[in-house]
Amino acid sequence: MDSPAEPTETHGDQIHQLESKVGQLEQAVESHASIDQAMGVIVAVGRISPAEAWDVLRETSMDTNIKLRQVAELVVAWGATGDLAADIRDELARRLRHRGAA
């Protein structure tokens, strides 16, 4: 009688993979919240639509070579403190001017 094949993954491996996925999902939810809040700041400041705010945020991230999540966090902090790094502030202003924003 043949013995059953050994499982390739142990329960510990499966638990580790699931914990890793949960961590990734938690980080994604946090990033999404920061991005939504940053878009709100940009909508309010620039008097533009949410779709335009998304473009401004994304393009600012690309042009400054700073991760989108980090740019979003800095924009949210700017909304609370009034302080924003010059490179991001300048790029946001340029993007908003390009769209004819207020």
C-alpha atoms as a PDB file:
ATOM      1  CA  MET A   1       0.000   0.000   0.000  1.00  0.00           C
ATOM      2  CA  ASP A   2       1.347   3.377  -1.011  1.00  0.00           C
ATOM      3  CA  SER A   3       1.688   6.066   1.627  1.00  0.00           C
ATOM      4  CA  PRO A   4       0.078   9.441   0.942  1.00  0.00           C
ATOM      5  CA  ALA A   5       2.358  12.074  -0.521  1.00  0.00           C
ATOM      6  CA  GLU A   6       3.824  14.582   1.887  1.00  0.00           C
ATOM      7  CA  PRO A   7       2.045  17.928   1.720  1.00  0.00           C
ATOM      8  CA  THR A   8       4.181  20.596   0.123  1.00  0.00           C
ATOM      9  CA  GLU A   9       2.988  23.267   2.553  1.00  0.00           C
ATOM     10  CA  THR A  10       2.631  22.907   6.272  1.00  0.00           C
ATOM     11  CA  HIS A  11      -0.058  24.640   8.266  1.00  0.00           C
ATOM     12  CA  GLY A  12       2.632  26.967   9.573  1.00  0.00           C
ATOM     13  CA  ASP A  13       3.548  27.959   6.003  1.00  0.00           C
ATOM     14  CA  GLN A  14      -0.096  28.613   5.182  1.00  0.00           C
ATOM     15  CA  ILE A  15      -0.545  30.714   8.316  1.00  0.00           C
ATOM     16  CA  HIS A  16       2.565  32.727   7.468  1.00  0.00           C
ATOM     17  CA  GLN A  17       1.308  33.363   3.919  1.00  0.00           C
ATOM     18  CA  LEU A  18      -2.117  34.434   5.191  1.00  0.00           C
ATOM     19  CA  GLU A  19      -0.567  36.756   7.792  1.00  0.00           C
ATOM     20  CA  SER A  20       1.567  38.288   5.064  1.00  0.00           C
ATOM     21  CA  LYS A  21      -1.483  38.847   2.842  1.00  0.00           C
ATOM     22  CA  VAL A  22      -3.410  40.421   5.712  1.00  0.00           C
ATOM     23  CA  GLY A  23      -0.501  42.794   6.344  1.00  0.00           C
ATOM     24  CA  GLN A  24      -0.400  43.748   2.674  1.00  0.00           C
ATOM     25  CA  LEU A  25      -4.152  44.375   2.641  1.00  0.00           C
ATOM     26  CA  GLU A  26      -3.938  46.515   5.781  1.00  0.00           C
ATOM     27  CA  GLN A  27      -1.181  48.596   4.187  1.00  0.00           C
ATOM     28  CA  ALA A  28      -3.223  48.960   0.994  1.00  0.00           C
ATOM     29  CA  VAL A  29      -6.238  50.212   2.968  1.00  0.00           C
ATOM     30  CA  GLU A  30      -4.058  52.756   4.806  1.00  0.00           C
ATOM     31  CA  SER A  31      -2.488  53.942   1.543  1.00  0.00           C
ATOM     32  CA  HIS A  32      -5.900  54.246  -0.087  1.00  0.00           C
ATOM     33  CA  ALA A  33      -7.187  56.347   2.819  1.00  0.00           C
ATOM     34  CA  SER A  34      -4.176  58.687   2.624  1.00  0.00           C
ATOM     35  CA  ILE A  35      -4.591  59.056  -1.128  1.00  0.00           C
ATOM     36  CA  ASP A  36      -8.309  59.829  -0.768  1.00  0.00           C
ATOM     37  CA  GLN A  37      -7.568  62.435   1.905  1.00  0.00           C
ATOM     38  CA  ALA A  38      -4.836  64.019  -0.224  1.00  0.00           C
ATOM     39  CA  MET A  39      -7.213  64.174  -3.160  1.00  0.00           C
ATOM     40  CA  GLY A  40      -9.677  65.983  -0.904  1.00  0.00           C
ATOM     41  CA  VAL A  41      -7.031  68.563  -0.004  1.00  0.00           C
ATOM     42  CA  ILE A  42      -6.174  69.078  -3.668  1.00  0.00           C
ATOM     43  CA  VAL A  43      -9.849  69.339  -4.642  1.00  0.00           C
ATOM     44  CA  ALA A  44     -10.370  72.007  -1.978  1.00  0.00           C
ATOM     45  CA  VAL A  45      -7.214  73.975  -2.710  1.00  0.00           C
ATOM     46  CA  GLY A  46      -7.348  73.756  -6.483  1.00  0.00           C
ATOM     47  CA  ARG A  47     -11.130  73.801  -6.897  1.00  0.00           C
ATOM     48  CA  ILE A  48     -10.891  70.903  -9.315  1.00  0.00           C
ATOM     49  CA  SER A  49     -12.717  67.611  -9.690  1.00  0.00           C
ATOM     50  CA  PRO A  50     -11.657  64.459  -7.846  1.00  0.00           C
ATOM     51  CA  ALA A  51     -10.565  62.926 -11.171  1.00  0.00           C
ATOM     52  CA  GLU A  52      -8.322  65.918 -11.832  1.00  0.00           C
ATOM     53  CA  ALA A  53      -7.000  65.753  -8.261  1.00  0.00           C
ATOM     54  CA  TRP A  54      -6.067  62.102  -8.830  1.00  0.00           C
ATOM     55  CA  ASP A  55      -4.158  63.085 -11.971  1.00  0.00           C
ATOM     56  CA  VAL A  56      -2.389  65.930 -10.159  1.00  0.00           C
ATOM     57  CA  LEU A  57      -1.397  63.650  -7.301  1.00  0.00           C
ATOM     58  CA  ARG A  58      -0.220  60.833  -9.579  1.00  0.00           C
ATOM     59  CA  GLU A  59       1.708  63.140 -11.906  1.00  0.00           C
ATOM     60  CA  THR A  60       3.326  64.920  -8.959  1.00  0.00           C
ATOM     61  CA  SER A  61       4.485  61.562  -7.655  1.00  0.00           C
ATOM     62  CA  MET A  62       5.949  60.599 -11.005  1.00  0.00           C
ATOM     63  CA  ASP A  63       7.631  63.949 -11.660  1.00  0.00           C
ATOM     64  CA  THR A  64       9.180  64.188  -8.202  1.00  0.00           C
ATOM     65  CA  ASN A  65      10.101  60.492  -8.148  1.00  0.00           C
ATOM     66  CA  ILE A  66       8.422  60.084  -4.766  1.00  0.00           C
ATOM     67  CA  LYS A  67       6.047  57.219  -4.098  1.00  0.00           C
ATOM     68  CA  LEU A  68       2.394  58.114  -4.455  1.00  0.00           C
ATOM     69  CA  ARG A  69       1.607  57.055  -0.896  1.00  0.00           C
ATOM     70  CA  GLN A  70       4.354  59.299   0.470  1.00  0.00           C
ATOM     71  CA  VAL A  71       3.254  62.291  -1.624  1.00  0.00           C
ATOM     72  CA  ALA A  72      -0.295  61.724  -0.375  1.00  0.00           C
ATOM     73  CA  GLU A  73       0.841  61.619   3.253  1.00  0.00           C
ATOM     74  CA  LEU A  74       2.810  64.854   2.773  1.00  0.00           C
ATOM     75  CA  VAL A  75      -0.164  66.591   1.128  1.00  0.00           C
ATOM     76  CA  VAL A  76      -2.446  65.527   3.996  1.00  0.00           C
ATOM     77  CA  ALA A  77       0.086  66.850   6.511  1.00  0.00           C
ATOM     78  CA  TRP A  78       0.271  70.084   4.483  1.00  0.00           C
ATOM     79  CA  GLY A  79      -3.472  70.464   4.851  1.00  0.00           C
ATOM     80  CA  ALA A  80      -3.056  70.296   8.629  1.00  0.00           C
ATOM     81  CA  THR A  81       0.207  72.212   9.132  1.00  0.00           C
ATOM     82  CA  GLY A  82       0.625  74.445   6.099  1.00  0.00           C
ATOM     83  CA  ASP A  83       4.126  73.016   5.572  1.00  0.00           C
ATOM     84  CA  LEU A  84       5.042  71.190   2.367  1.00  0.00           C
ATOM     85  CA  ALA A  85       8.422  70.388   0.843  1.00  0.00           C
ATOM     86  CA  ALA A  86       9.330  72.896  -1.867  1.00  0.00           C
ATOM     87  CA  ASP A  87       9.676  70.334  -4.658  1.00  0.00           C
ATOM     88  CA  ILE A  88       6.223  68.907  -4.052  1.00  0.00           C
ATOM     89  CA  ARG A  89       4.666  72.339  -3.468  1.00  0.00           C
ATOM     90  CA  ASP A  90       6.146  73.662  -6.711  1.00  0.00           C
ATOM     91  CA  GLU A  91       5.054  70.634  -8.717  1.00  0.00           C
ATOM     92  CA  LEU A  92       1.517  70.767  -7.290  1.00  0.00           C
ATOM     93  CA  ALA A  93       1.289  74.479  -8.085  1.00  0.00           C
ATOM     94  CA  ARG A  94       2.533  73.862 -11.625  1.00  0.00           C
ATOM     95  CA  ARG A  95       0.025  71.039 -12.153  1.00  0.00           C
ATOM     96  CA  LEU A  96      -2.848  73.120 -10.781  1.00  0.00           C
ATOM     97  CA  ARG A  97      -1.899  76.136 -12.940  1.00  0.00           C
ATOM     98  CA  HIS A  98      -1.790  73.831 -15.966  1.00  0.00           C
ATOM     99  CA  ARG A  99      -5.402  72.865 -15.246  1.00  0.00           C
ATOM    100  CA  GLY A 100      -6.469  76.467 -14.751  1.00  0.00           C
ATOM    101  CA  ALA A 101      -7.250  75.773 -11.110  1.00  0.00           C
ATOM    102  CA  ALA A 102      -7.919  78.543  -8.638  1.00  0.00           C
END
